Amino acid sequence: MRCGARALTRPVSSHPFGLLLAVLAFVGCAATGPAPARFEAHQALPAPTQPREIALTRLVSKLPVGARIGRTSEGWLCLPQGPMTWRVGVDENVPGEVIAVLRDELQKAGYRTPGPPKSLFDDPNDRQAELLLAGAIKAVTLNVCDGPQGRSSEGSVEIEWQAYERRTRSVVLTSTTGGTATSSRGGRDAYYDAAAAALRNLLAQEAFVKVVGSSGRAQLR
């Protein structure tokens, strides 16, 4: 049964079992949060043989603080408890583990990223990456259910990426990608997984591989 007008207009049986089914159908409709956007998932293309070092510098929000992005629910039936709201203002840095998740995704795909200083005397200016990657979160959906069966979540993230080249002091790539994910590991894991999927969809673009590759450097001169 679809949630909507038909669920409300179908006659309710006087039989207790029929009444129970009607109640469960209504609960299912009530517990459903906003549906995550569906983005096709792509595997990252092979990284260039000699990729330039690229640093993921920041992730900013394009959503206003307090924006409703989903719903929290509890119990076996995932009864709604309240809205899930966005806690970062427009153009503010997005905090939390998501940056570390995205940096790890770059490394797993074979890209060179700056590592931590090896000693207290390392000069960060000597270890600057040739390319800087940043993202702006344009849309987020996250629904979380906390019940006896454990925590689960579903979500989607849409990100506008920009790659900046230090040498030319210019943006050499702009692209918008999205990711969709479900998770049974924890409350916000679907958000992190969806962000990682959005990055993989960027890494699946030939234009990105070309920019990061050594050949891309020559063509950009």
N, C-alpha and C. Protein backbone atom coordinates (compact mmCIF):
# COMPACT_ATOMS: atom_id res chain seq x y z
N MET A 1 0.84 -1.20 0.00
CA MET A 1 0.00 0.00 0.00
C MET A 1 0.87 1.24 0.00
N ARG A 2 0.58 2.18 -0.85
CA ARG A 2 1.32 3.42 -0.91
C ARG A 2 0.81 4.37 0.15
N CYS A 3 1.72 5.15 0.74
CA CYS A 3 1.32 6.17 1.70
C CYS A 3 0.70 7.32 0.94
N GLY A 4 -0.46 7.77 1.34
CA GLY A 4 -1.10 8.88 0.65
C GLY A 4 -2.61 8.79 0.76
N ALA A 5 -3.29 9.35 -0.25
CA ALA A 5 -4.75 9.43 -0.19
C ALA A 5 -5.38 8.05 -0.17
N ARG A 6 -4.87 7.10 -0.94
CA ARG A 6 -5.47 5.78 -1.00
C ARG A 6 -5.43 5.10 0.36
N ALA A 7 -4.38 5.33 1.12
CA ALA A 7 -4.26 4.71 2.43
C ALA A 7 -5.32 5.25 3.38
N LEU A 8 -5.84 6.44 3.10
CA LEU A 8 -6.82 7.05 3.98
C LEU A 8 -8.25 6.78 3.52
N THR A 9 -8.44 6.48 2.25
CA THR A 9 -9.80 6.34 1.72
C THR A 9 -10.27 4.90 1.67
N ARG A 10 -9.37 3.90 1.81
CA ARG A 10 -9.80 2.50 1.77
C ARG A 10 -10.62 2.18 3.01
N PRO A 11 -11.78 1.50 2.87
CA PRO A 11 -12.60 1.15 4.04
C PRO A 11 -11.82 0.27 5.01
N VAL A 12 -12.04 0.49 6.30
CA VAL A 12 -11.36 -0.28 7.35
C VAL A 12 -12.26 -1.41 7.79
N SER A 13 -11.73 -2.63 7.78
CA SER A 13 -12.50 -3.79 8.19
C SER A 13 -12.79 -3.71 9.69
N SER A 14 -13.94 -4.23 10.09
CA SER A 14 -14.29 -4.27 11.51
C SER A 14 -13.57 -5.41 12.21
N HIS A 15 -12.97 -6.34 11.46
CA HIS A 15 -12.25 -7.45 12.05
C HIS A 15 -10.99 -6.92 12.73
N PRO A 16 -10.67 -7.42 13.93
CA PRO A 16 -9.48 -6.93 14.65
C PRO A 16 -8.21 -7.02 13.82
N PHE A 17 -8.06 -8.11 13.03
CA PHE A 17 -6.86 -8.25 12.22
C PHE A 17 -6.79 -7.17 11.13
N GLY A 18 -7.97 -6.90 10.54
CA GLY A 18 -8.01 -5.84 9.53
C GLY A 18 -7.71 -4.49 10.13
N LEU A 19 -8.20 -4.26 11.35
CA LEU A 19 -7.93 -3.00 12.03
C LEU A 19 -6.44 -2.87 12.33
N LEU A 20 -5.82 -4.00 12.75
CA LEU A 20 -4.38 -3.98 13.04
C LEU A 20 -3.58 -3.65 11.79
N LEU A 21 -3.97 -4.22 10.64
CA LEU A 21 -3.27 -3.93 9.40
C LEU A 21 -3.41 -2.45 9.04
N ALA A 22 -4.59 -1.90 9.26
CA ALA A 22 -4.79 -0.48 8.95
C ALA A 22 -3.92 0.40 9.83
N VAL A 23 -3.83 0.04 11.13
CA VAL A 23 -3.00 0.80 12.05
C VAL A 23 -1.53 0.73 11.65
N LEU A 24 -1.06 -0.48 11.30
CA LEU A 24 0.34 -0.64 10.89
C LEU A 24 0.62 0.15 9.62
N ALA A 25 -0.35 0.17 8.69
CA ALA A 25 -0.16 0.93 7.46
C ALA A 25 -0.05 2.41 7.76
N PHE A 26 -0.90 2.88 8.69
CA PHE A 26 -0.85 4.30 9.05
C PHE A 26 0.46 4.64 9.73
N VAL A 27 0.93 3.75 10.62
CA VAL A 27 2.20 3.98 11.31
C VAL A 27 3.33 4.03 10.31
N GLY A 28 3.31 3.11 9.32
CA GLY A 28 4.36 3.11 8.31
C GLY A 28 4.40 4.41 7.55
N CYS A 29 3.20 4.95 7.24
CA CYS A 29 3.15 6.23 6.53
C CYS A 29 3.69 7.34 7.40
N ALA A 30 3.31 7.33 8.69
CA ALA A 30 3.71 8.41 9.58
C ALA A 30 5.20 8.38 9.86
N ALA A 31 5.80 7.16 9.87
CA ALA A 31 7.20 7.04 10.26
C ALA A 31 8.15 7.35 9.12
N THR A 32 7.62 7.41 7.92
CA THR A 32 8.49 7.62 6.77
C THR A 32 8.95 9.07 6.72
N GLY A 33 10.27 9.28 6.71
CA GLY A 33 10.81 10.63 6.56
C GLY A 33 10.94 10.98 5.10
N PRO A 34 11.51 12.13 4.79
CA PRO A 34 11.73 12.50 3.39
C PRO A 34 12.65 11.49 2.71
N ALA A 35 12.26 11.08 1.53
CA ALA A 35 13.04 10.07 0.82
C ALA A 35 14.38 10.64 0.38
N PRO A 36 15.48 9.93 0.62
CA PRO A 36 16.78 10.39 0.14
C PRO A 36 16.79 10.48 -1.39
N ALA A 37 17.54 11.42 -1.92
CA ALA A 37 17.72 11.50 -3.37
C ALA A 37 18.48 10.26 -3.84
N ARG A 38 18.15 9.79 -5.02
CA ARG A 38 18.78 8.58 -5.55
C ARG A 38 19.82 8.97 -6.59
N PHE A 39 21.06 8.69 -6.27
CA PHE A 39 22.17 8.96 -7.19
C PHE A 39 22.78 7.63 -7.62
N GLU A 40 23.03 7.52 -8.90
CA GLU A 40 23.67 6.30 -9.42
C GLU A 40 25.10 6.22 -8.91
N ALA A 41 25.49 5.05 -8.44
CA ALA A 41 26.83 4.87 -7.88
C ALA A 41 27.81 4.42 -8.96
N HIS A 42 28.99 5.05 -8.98
CA HIS A 42 30.04 4.70 -9.93
C HIS A 42 31.33 4.38 -9.17
N GLN A 43 32.10 3.47 -9.72
CA GLN A 43 33.40 3.15 -9.15
C GLN A 43 34.43 4.18 -9.60
N ALA A 44 35.36 4.51 -8.73
CA ALA A 44 36.41 5.45 -9.08
C ALA A 44 37.25 4.88 -10.22
N LEU A 45 37.61 5.74 -11.16
CA LEU A 45 38.53 5.33 -12.22
C LEU A 45 39.92 5.13 -11.64
N PRO A 46 40.76 4.33 -12.28
CA PRO A 46 42.13 4.17 -11.78
C PRO A 46 42.84 5.53 -11.70
N ALA A 47 43.54 5.75 -10.62
CA ALA A 47 44.29 7.00 -10.46
C ALA A 47 45.42 7.05 -11.47
N PRO A 48 45.86 8.25 -11.87
CA PRO A 48 47.00 8.35 -12.79
C PRO A 48 48.24 7.67 -12.23
N THR A 49 49.12 7.26 -13.12
CA THR A 49 50.35 6.59 -12.68
C THR A 49 51.19 7.48 -11.78
N GLN A 50 51.28 8.75 -12.12
CA GLN A 50 52.03 9.70 -11.31
C GLN A 50 51.11 10.89 -10.98
N PRO A 51 50.19 10.70 -10.07
CA PRO A 51 49.26 11.79 -9.75
C PRO A 51 49.94 12.90 -8.96
N ARG A 52 49.50 14.09 -9.20
CA ARG A 52 49.97 15.20 -8.38
C ARG A 52 49.34 15.10 -6.99
N GLU A 53 50.05 15.60 -6.01
CA GLU A 53 49.51 15.55 -4.65
C GLU A 53 48.30 16.47 -4.55
N ILE A 54 47.24 15.96 -3.94
CA ILE A 54 46.00 16.72 -3.81
C ILE A 54 45.55 16.69 -2.36
N ALA A 55 45.15 17.85 -1.86
CA ALA A 55 44.73 17.96 -0.46
C ALA A 55 43.26 18.35 -0.40
N LEU A 56 42.49 17.60 0.37
CA LEU A 56 41.10 17.96 0.63
C LEU A 56 41.11 18.96 1.79
N THR A 57 40.81 20.20 1.48
CA THR A 57 41.04 21.28 2.44
C THR A 57 39.83 21.59 3.31
N ARG A 58 38.64 21.65 2.71
CA ARG A 58 37.48 22.03 3.51
C ARG A 58 36.19 21.61 2.84
N LEU A 59 35.15 21.55 3.67
CA LEU A 59 33.80 21.25 3.22
C LEU A 59 32.91 22.30 3.88
N VAL A 60 32.16 23.04 3.08
CA VAL A 60 31.31 24.09 3.62
C VAL A 60 29.84 23.76 3.36
N SER A 61 28.98 24.43 4.10
CA SER A 61 27.54 24.21 3.98
C SER A 61 26.90 25.27 3.11
N LYS A 62 25.97 24.85 2.28
CA LYS A 62 25.12 25.77 1.54
C LYS A 62 23.68 25.69 2.06
N LEU A 63 23.50 25.01 3.19
CA LEU A 63 22.19 24.90 3.82
C LEU A 63 22.13 25.84 5.02
N PRO A 64 20.98 26.40 5.31
CA PRO A 64 20.87 27.26 6.49
C PRO A 64 20.81 26.43 7.76
N VAL A 65 21.30 26.98 8.85
CA VAL A 65 21.25 26.30 10.13
C VAL A 65 19.79 26.07 10.52
N GLY A 66 19.51 24.88 11.03
CA GLY A 66 18.15 24.55 11.42
C GLY A 66 17.30 23.96 10.32
N ALA A 67 17.84 23.83 9.11
CA ALA A 67 17.07 23.24 8.01
C ALA A 67 16.70 21.79 8.34
N ARG A 68 15.47 21.41 8.06
CA ARG A 68 15.05 20.03 8.31
C ARG A 68 15.57 19.13 7.19
N ILE A 69 16.35 18.13 7.57
CA ILE A 69 16.95 17.25 6.58
C ILE A 69 16.43 15.82 6.68
N GLY A 70 15.62 15.52 7.69
CA GLY A 70 15.12 14.16 7.84
C GLY A 70 14.34 14.00 9.11
N ARG A 71 14.30 12.76 9.59
CA ARG A 71 13.49 12.45 10.77
C ARG A 71 14.18 11.40 11.63
N THR A 72 14.02 11.52 12.94
CA THR A 72 14.46 10.50 13.88
C THR A 72 13.25 9.69 14.30
N SER A 73 13.44 8.39 14.50
CA SER A 73 12.35 7.51 14.91
C SER A 73 12.89 6.43 15.83
N GLU A 74 11.97 5.78 16.56
CA GLU A 74 12.37 4.78 17.56
C GLU A 74 11.41 3.61 17.56
N GLY A 75 11.87 2.48 18.13
CA GLY A 75 11.02 1.31 18.34
C GLY A 75 11.03 0.34 17.18
N TRP A 76 10.33 -0.79 17.40
CA TRP A 76 10.26 -1.81 16.36
C TRP A 76 9.64 -1.26 15.08
N LEU A 77 8.68 -0.37 15.23
CA LEU A 77 7.97 0.18 14.07
C LEU A 77 8.56 1.50 13.60
N CYS A 78 9.67 1.92 14.20
CA CYS A 78 10.30 3.20 13.84
C CYS A 78 9.30 4.34 13.92
N LEU A 79 8.67 4.47 15.07
CA LEU A 79 7.71 5.55 15.27
C LEU A 79 8.43 6.89 15.27
N PRO A 80 7.87 7.89 14.60
CA PRO A 80 8.56 9.19 14.50
C PRO A 80 8.70 9.86 15.85
N GLN A 81 9.87 10.43 16.09
CA GLN A 81 10.16 11.14 17.33
C GLN A 81 10.35 12.63 17.12
N GLY A 82 10.89 13.01 15.99
CA GLY A 82 11.10 14.43 15.74
C GLY A 82 11.92 14.64 14.48
N PRO A 83 12.08 15.89 14.08
CA PRO A 83 12.84 16.18 12.87
C PRO A 83 14.35 16.09 13.10
N MET A 84 15.07 15.75 12.06
CA MET A 84 16.53 15.83 12.05
C MET A 84 16.89 17.17 11.41
N THR A 85 17.67 17.98 12.10
CA THR A 85 17.97 19.32 11.60
C THR A 85 19.46 19.49 11.35
N TRP A 86 19.78 20.38 10.43
CA TRP A 86 21.15 20.71 10.05
C TRP A 86 21.70 21.74 11.03
N ARG A 87 22.92 21.53 11.50
CA ARG A 87 23.46 22.36 12.57
C ARG A 87 24.52 23.35 12.12
N VAL A 88 24.74 23.47 10.83
CA VAL A 88 25.78 24.35 10.30
C VAL A 88 25.13 25.43 9.44
N GLY A 89 25.62 26.66 9.57
CA GLY A 89 25.07 27.75 8.79
C GLY A 89 25.66 27.84 7.39
N VAL A 90 25.08 28.69 6.57
CA VAL A 90 25.54 28.87 5.20
C VAL A 90 26.98 29.38 5.19
N ASP A 91 27.81 28.73 4.37
CA ASP A 91 29.22 29.08 4.17
C ASP A 91 30.09 28.80 5.40
N GLU A 92 29.55 28.10 6.38
CA GLU A 92 30.36 27.68 7.53
C GLU A 92 31.00 26.33 7.23
N ASN A 93 32.15 26.07 7.85
CA ASN A 93 32.83 24.79 7.68
C ASN A 93 32.01 23.67 8.31
N VAL A 94 31.93 22.55 7.60
CA VAL A 94 31.22 21.38 8.11
C VAL A 94 32.17 20.61 9.02
N PRO A 95 31.84 20.45 10.30
CA PRO A 95 32.74 19.77 11.24
C PRO A 95 32.52 18.26 11.23
N GLY A 96 33.25 17.59 12.08
CA GLY A 96 33.03 16.16 12.28
C GLY A 96 33.95 15.28 11.46
N GLU A 97 33.58 14.00 11.42
CA GLU A 97 34.43 12.98 10.82
C GLU A 97 34.37 12.95 9.30
N VAL A 98 33.46 13.71 8.70
CA VAL A 98 33.24 13.57 7.26
C VAL A 98 34.50 13.92 6.47
N ILE A 99 35.27 14.91 6.92
CA ILE A 99 36.51 15.27 6.21
C ILE A 99 37.49 14.10 6.23
N ALA A 100 37.64 13.47 7.39
CA ALA A 100 38.54 12.32 7.50
C ALA A 100 38.06 11.17 6.62
N VAL A 101 36.75 10.97 6.54
CA VAL A 101 36.19 9.92 5.69
C VAL A 101 36.52 10.18 4.23
N LEU A 102 36.40 11.42 3.80
CA LEU A 102 36.67 11.76 2.40
C LEU A 102 38.16 11.66 2.08
N ARG A 103 39.02 12.08 2.99
CA ARG A 103 40.46 11.96 2.77
C ARG A 103 40.86 10.50 2.65
N ASP A 104 40.24 9.66 3.48
CA ASP A 104 40.53 8.22 3.41
C ASP A 104 40.07 7.65 2.08
N GLU A 105 38.97 8.16 1.56
CA GLU A 105 38.45 7.69 0.27
C GLU A 105 39.42 8.05 -0.86
N LEU A 106 40.01 9.25 -0.80
CA LEU A 106 41.01 9.64 -1.79
C LEU A 106 42.21 8.71 -1.76
N GLN A 107 42.68 8.40 -0.57
CA GLN A 107 43.85 7.53 -0.44
C GLN A 107 43.55 6.12 -0.93
N LYS A 108 42.37 5.61 -0.62
CA LYS A 108 42.00 4.26 -1.06
C LYS A 108 41.93 4.17 -2.58
N ALA A 109 41.63 5.30 -3.23
CA ALA A 109 41.53 5.32 -4.69
C ALA A 109 42.90 5.47 -5.35
N GLY A 110 43.96 5.64 -4.55
CA GLY A 110 45.31 5.70 -5.09
C GLY A 110 45.87 7.08 -5.29
N TYR A 111 45.24 8.10 -4.70
CA TYR A 111 45.72 9.47 -4.86
C TYR A 111 46.67 9.85 -3.73
N ARG A 112 47.63 10.69 -4.09
CA ARG A 112 48.62 11.16 -3.12
C ARG A 112 48.04 12.33 -2.34
N THR A 113 47.98 12.17 -1.03
CA THR A 113 47.48 13.23 -0.16
C THR A 113 48.54 13.57 0.87
N PRO A 114 48.59 14.81 1.34
CA PRO A 114 49.60 15.17 2.35
C PRO A 114 49.41 14.36 3.62
N GLY A 115 50.52 13.86 4.14
CA GLY A 115 50.48 13.13 5.40
C GLY A 115 50.77 14.06 6.57
N PRO A 116 50.65 13.56 7.79
CA PRO A 116 50.95 14.38 8.95
C PRO A 116 52.45 14.67 9.02
N PRO A 117 52.85 15.79 9.64
CA PRO A 117 54.27 16.11 9.78
C PRO A 117 55.01 14.99 10.51
N LYS A 118 56.22 14.69 10.03
CA LYS A 118 57.00 13.62 10.65
C LYS A 118 57.68 14.07 11.93
N SER A 119 57.84 15.35 12.13
CA SER A 119 58.45 15.86 13.35
C SER A 119 57.90 17.25 13.64
N LEU A 120 58.20 17.75 14.81
CA LEU A 120 57.75 19.08 15.19
C LEU A 120 58.44 20.17 14.39
N PHE A 121 59.53 19.82 13.69
CA PHE A 121 60.31 20.83 12.97
C PHE A 121 59.98 20.88 11.48
N ASP A 122 59.05 20.01 11.02
CA ASP A 122 58.67 20.05 9.61
C ASP A 122 57.97 21.36 9.30
N ASP A 123 58.33 21.94 8.17
CA ASP A 123 57.71 23.18 7.72
C ASP A 123 56.51 22.83 6.83
N PRO A 124 55.28 23.17 7.28
CA PRO A 124 54.11 22.83 6.47
C PRO A 124 54.17 23.44 5.07
N ASN A 125 54.83 24.58 4.91
CA ASN A 125 54.89 25.22 3.60
C ASN A 125 55.69 24.41 2.59
N ASP A 126 56.59 23.54 3.10
CA ASP A 126 57.37 22.69 2.21
C ASP A 126 56.58 21.47 1.76
N ARG A 127 55.44 21.26 2.37
CA ARG A 127 54.68 20.06 2.08
C ARG A 127 53.32 20.40 1.46
N GLN A 128 53.24 21.56 0.85
CA GLN A 128 51.98 21.98 0.27
C GLN A 128 51.66 21.15 -0.97
N ALA A 129 50.40 20.72 -1.06
CA ALA A 129 49.95 19.97 -2.23
C ALA A 129 49.81 20.89 -3.42
N GLU A 130 50.01 20.33 -4.62
CA GLU A 130 49.87 21.12 -5.84
C GLU A 130 48.42 21.48 -6.14
N LEU A 131 47.51 20.58 -5.74
CA LEU A 131 46.09 20.79 -5.98
C LEU A 131 45.33 20.79 -4.66
N LEU A 132 44.34 21.64 -4.56
CA LEU A 132 43.47 21.69 -3.40
C LEU A 132 42.05 21.34 -3.83
N LEU A 133 41.40 20.47 -3.07
CA LEU A 133 40.04 20.06 -3.37
C LEU A 133 39.13 20.50 -2.23
N ALA A 134 38.04 21.17 -2.56
CA ALA A 134 37.07 21.61 -1.56
C ALA A 134 35.68 21.30 -2.06
N GLY A 135 34.73 21.24 -1.13
CA GLY A 135 33.36 20.93 -1.51
C GLY A 135 32.36 21.79 -0.77
N ALA A 136 31.21 22.00 -1.40
CA ALA A 136 30.11 22.73 -0.78
C ALA A 136 28.89 21.81 -0.77
N ILE A 137 28.38 21.50 0.42
CA ILE A 137 27.22 20.62 0.54
C ILE A 137 25.96 21.40 0.17
N LYS A 138 25.29 20.95 -0.90
CA LYS A 138 24.11 21.64 -1.40
C LYS A 138 22.81 21.04 -0.88
N ALA A 139 22.80 19.74 -0.58
CA ALA A 139 21.59 19.08 -0.11
C ALA A 139 21.95 17.87 0.72
N VAL A 140 21.19 17.62 1.78
CA VAL A 140 21.39 16.47 2.66
C VAL A 140 20.02 15.92 3.08
N THR A 141 19.91 14.60 3.08
CA THR A 141 18.77 13.93 3.69
C THR A 141 19.30 12.84 4.61
N LEU A 142 18.74 12.75 5.82
CA LEU A 142 19.18 11.73 6.77
C LEU A 142 18.01 11.32 7.65
N ASN A 143 17.62 10.05 7.56
CA ASN A 143 16.58 9.47 8.41
C ASN A 143 17.23 8.42 9.30
N VAL A 144 16.96 8.48 10.60
CA VAL A 144 17.59 7.58 11.56
C VAL A 144 16.53 6.88 12.39
N CYS A 145 16.66 5.56 12.56
CA CYS A 145 15.76 4.79 13.41
C CYS A 145 16.58 4.08 14.48
N ASP A 146 16.15 4.24 15.74
CA ASP A 146 16.84 3.62 16.88
C ASP A 146 15.85 2.69 17.57
N GLY A 147 16.01 1.38 17.36
CA GLY A 147 15.06 0.43 17.92
C GLY A 147 15.74 -0.75 18.58
N PRO A 148 14.97 -1.69 19.12
CA PRO A 148 15.55 -2.88 19.75
C PRO A 148 16.41 -3.69 18.80
N GLN A 149 16.12 -3.59 17.51
CA GLN A 149 16.89 -4.32 16.50
C GLN A 149 18.20 -3.64 16.16
N GLY A 150 18.45 -2.47 16.77
CA GLY A 150 19.68 -1.72 16.50
C GLY A 150 19.38 -0.40 15.83
N ARG A 151 20.44 0.31 15.46
CA ARG A 151 20.28 1.61 14.81
C ARG A 151 20.48 1.45 13.31
N SER A 152 19.68 2.16 12.56
CA SER A 152 19.81 2.13 11.11
C SER A 152 19.57 3.54 10.58
N SER A 153 20.08 3.78 9.39
CA SER A 153 19.91 5.11 8.80
C SER A 153 19.94 5.01 7.29
N GLU A 154 19.36 6.00 6.65
CA GLU A 154 19.41 6.15 5.20
C GLU A 154 19.63 7.62 4.90
N GLY A 155 20.37 7.90 3.83
CA GLY A 155 20.63 9.30 3.56
C GLY A 155 21.19 9.53 2.17
N SER A 156 21.27 10.80 1.82
CA SER A 156 21.87 11.22 0.56
C SER A 156 22.55 12.56 0.76
N VAL A 157 23.58 12.80 -0.02
CA VAL A 157 24.35 14.04 0.05
C VAL A 157 24.67 14.50 -1.37
N GLU A 158 24.50 15.78 -1.64
CA GLU A 158 24.89 16.37 -2.92
C GLU A 158 25.95 17.43 -2.65
N ILE A 159 27.07 17.33 -3.37
CA ILE A 159 28.22 18.20 -3.11
C ILE A 159 28.71 18.83 -4.42
N GLU A 160 28.97 20.12 -4.38
CA GLU A 160 29.64 20.80 -5.50
C GLU A 160 31.13 20.87 -5.18
N TRP A 161 31.94 20.29 -6.06
CA TRP A 161 33.39 20.22 -5.85
C TRP A 161 34.11 21.27 -6.68
N GLN A 162 35.22 21.74 -6.15
CA GLN A 162 36.12 22.61 -6.90
C GLN A 162 37.56 22.17 -6.64
N ALA A 163 38.32 22.05 -7.72
CA ALA A 163 39.75 21.75 -7.62
C ALA A 163 40.53 23.02 -7.98
N TYR A 164 41.45 23.38 -7.11
CA TYR A 164 42.21 24.63 -7.27
C TYR A 164 43.69 24.29 -7.46
N GLU A 165 44.31 24.89 -8.46
CA GLU A 165 45.72 24.67 -8.74
C GLU A 165 46.54 25.83 -8.17
N ARG A 166 47.50 25.50 -7.31
CA ARG A 166 48.31 26.55 -6.68
C ARG A 166 49.12 27.33 -7.71
N ARG A 167 49.73 26.61 -8.66
CA ARG A 167 50.67 27.26 -9.58
C ARG A 167 49.99 28.36 -10.39
N THR A 168 48.80 28.06 -10.91
CA THR A 168 48.10 29.04 -11.73
C THR A 168 47.12 29.90 -10.93
N ARG A 169 46.95 29.53 -9.65
CA ARG A 169 46.01 30.24 -8.78
C ARG A 169 44.63 30.33 -9.43
N SER A 170 44.17 29.18 -9.88
CA SER A 170 42.88 29.16 -10.57
C SER A 170 42.14 27.86 -10.27
N VAL A 171 40.82 27.93 -10.38
CA VAL A 171 39.99 26.74 -10.27
C VAL A 171 40.04 25.99 -11.60
N VAL A 172 40.50 24.75 -11.57
CA VAL A 172 40.70 23.99 -12.79
C VAL A 172 39.60 22.95 -13.02
N LEU A 173 38.72 22.77 -12.06
CA LEU A 173 37.63 21.81 -12.23
C LEU A 173 36.50 22.16 -11.28
N THR A 174 35.28 22.16 -11.80
CA THR A 174 34.07 22.31 -10.99
C THR A 174 33.09 21.22 -11.39
N SER A 175 32.56 20.51 -10.41
CA SER A 175 31.63 19.43 -10.71
C SER A 175 30.72 19.19 -9.51
N THR A 176 29.48 18.81 -9.78
CA THR A 176 28.53 18.48 -8.72
C THR A 176 28.16 17.01 -8.81
N THR A 177 28.32 16.31 -7.70
CA THR A 177 27.97 14.88 -7.65
C THR A 177 27.17 14.62 -6.38
N GLY A 178 26.55 13.46 -6.33
CA GLY A 178 25.79 13.07 -5.16
C GLY A 178 25.99 11.61 -4.84
N GLY A 179 25.61 11.24 -3.64
CA GLY A 179 25.70 9.86 -3.21
C GLY A 179 24.52 9.49 -2.32
N THR A 180 24.15 8.20 -2.38
CA THR A 180 23.04 7.68 -1.57
C THR A 180 23.54 6.46 -0.81
N ALA A 181 23.07 6.30 0.44
CA ALA A 181 23.56 5.17 1.23
C ALA A 181 22.53 4.77 2.29
N THR A 182 22.60 3.51 2.68
CA THR A 182 21.87 3.01 3.85
C THR A 182 22.88 2.33 4.75
N SER A 183 22.61 2.33 6.05
CA SER A 183 23.57 1.76 6.99
C SER A 183 22.85 1.18 8.20
N SER A 184 23.41 0.10 8.73
CA SER A 184 22.90 -0.51 9.96
C SER A 184 23.93 -0.42 11.07
N ARG A 185 24.98 0.39 10.85
CA ARG A 185 26.07 0.47 11.83
C ARG A 185 25.82 1.53 12.89
N GLY A 186 25.13 2.60 12.55
CA GLY A 186 24.95 3.67 13.51
C GLY A 186 24.11 4.78 12.97
N GLY A 187 23.85 5.77 13.81
CA GLY A 187 22.91 6.81 13.48
C GLY A 187 23.29 7.67 12.29
N ARG A 188 24.56 8.09 12.18
CA ARG A 188 24.95 9.03 11.12
C ARG A 188 25.81 8.38 10.04
N ASP A 189 25.97 7.08 10.09
CA ASP A 189 26.86 6.43 9.13
C ASP A 189 26.37 6.57 7.70
N ALA A 190 25.05 6.61 7.50
CA ALA A 190 24.54 6.77 6.13
C ALA A 190 24.96 8.12 5.56
N TYR A 191 25.05 9.13 6.40
CA TYR A 191 25.51 10.46 5.96
C TYR A 191 26.96 10.39 5.50
N TYR A 192 27.82 9.75 6.30
CA TYR A 192 29.22 9.62 5.92
C TYR A 192 29.38 8.77 4.66
N ASP A 193 28.64 7.66 4.59
CA ASP A 193 28.74 6.78 3.43
C ASP A 193 28.23 7.47 2.16
N ALA A 194 27.19 8.28 2.29
CA ALA A 194 26.67 9.00 1.13
C ALA A 194 27.67 10.04 0.65
N ALA A 195 28.35 10.72 1.58
CA ALA A 195 29.38 11.69 1.20
C ALA A 195 30.53 11.00 0.48
N ALA A 196 30.93 9.82 0.99
CA ALA A 196 31.99 9.05 0.34
C ALA A 196 31.56 8.62 -1.06
N ALA A 197 30.30 8.23 -1.21
CA ALA A 197 29.79 7.84 -2.53
C ALA A 197 29.80 9.03 -3.49
N ALA A 198 29.50 10.22 -2.97
CA ALA A 198 29.55 11.42 -3.82
C ALA A 198 30.97 11.69 -4.30
N LEU A 199 31.95 11.46 -3.43
CA LEU A 199 33.35 11.65 -3.84
C LEU A 199 33.76 10.60 -4.86
N ARG A 200 33.34 9.35 -4.67
CA ARG A 200 33.67 8.31 -5.65
C ARG A 200 33.09 8.65 -7.02
N ASN A 201 31.91 9.25 -7.03
CA ASN A 201 31.33 9.66 -8.31
C ASN A 201 32.14 10.77 -8.97
N LEU A 202 32.80 11.59 -8.16
CA LEU A 202 33.73 12.58 -8.72
C LEU A 202 34.97 11.88 -9.27
N LEU A 203 35.49 10.92 -8.52
CA LEU A 203 36.69 10.19 -8.95
C LEU A 203 36.42 9.32 -10.18
N ALA A 204 35.14 9.12 -10.49
CA ALA A 204 34.78 8.33 -11.68
C ALA A 204 34.76 9.17 -12.94
N GLN A 205 35.03 10.47 -12.82
CA GLN A 205 35.00 11.36 -13.98
C GLN A 205 36.39 11.47 -14.61
N GLU A 206 36.45 11.32 -15.91
CA GLU A 206 37.73 11.41 -16.62
C GLU A 206 38.35 12.79 -16.47
N ALA A 207 37.52 13.82 -16.35
CA ALA A 207 38.04 15.18 -16.21
C ALA A 207 38.84 15.33 -14.92
N PHE A 208 38.37 14.68 -13.85
CA PHE A 208 39.10 14.75 -12.58
C PHE A 208 40.44 14.04 -12.69
N VAL A 209 40.43 12.84 -13.26
CA VAL A 209 41.67 12.08 -13.41
C VAL A 209 42.67 12.85 -14.26
N LYS A 210 42.20 13.52 -15.29
CA LYS A 210 43.07 14.28 -16.19
C LYS A 210 43.71 15.47 -15.46
N VAL A 211 42.93 16.14 -14.61
CA VAL A 211 43.46 17.29 -13.87
C VAL A 211 44.53 16.87 -12.88
N VAL A 212 44.30 15.75 -12.20
CA VAL A 212 45.24 15.32 -11.17
C VAL A 212 46.49 14.67 -11.77
N GLY A 213 46.36 14.11 -12.96
CA GLY A 213 47.51 13.45 -13.57
C GLY A 213 48.58 14.42 -14.02
N SER A 214 49.78 13.92 -14.18
CA SER A 214 50.91 14.74 -14.64
C SER A 214 50.65 15.32 -16.01
N SER A 215 49.96 14.55 -16.88
CA SER A 215 49.66 15.06 -18.22
C SER A 215 48.72 16.24 -18.14
N GLY A 216 47.81 16.20 -17.10
CA GLY A 216 46.91 17.32 -16.93
C GLY A 216 47.65 18.59 -16.61
N ARG A 217 48.78 18.50 -15.91
CA ARG A 217 49.57 19.69 -15.57
C ARG A 217 50.09 20.36 -16.84
N ALA A 218 50.59 19.54 -17.78
CA ALA A 218 51.15 20.11 -19.01
C ALA A 218 50.06 20.78 -19.83
N GLN A 219 48.88 20.20 -19.87
CA GLN A 219 47.80 20.74 -20.68
C GLN A 219 47.20 22.00 -20.05
N LEU A 220 47.43 22.18 -18.78
CA LEU A 220 46.87 23.36 -18.12
C LEU A 220 47.80 24.55 -18.19
N ARG A 221 49.00 24.36 -18.69
CA ARG A 221 49.96 25.48 -18.75
C ARG A 221 49.57 26.46 -19.84
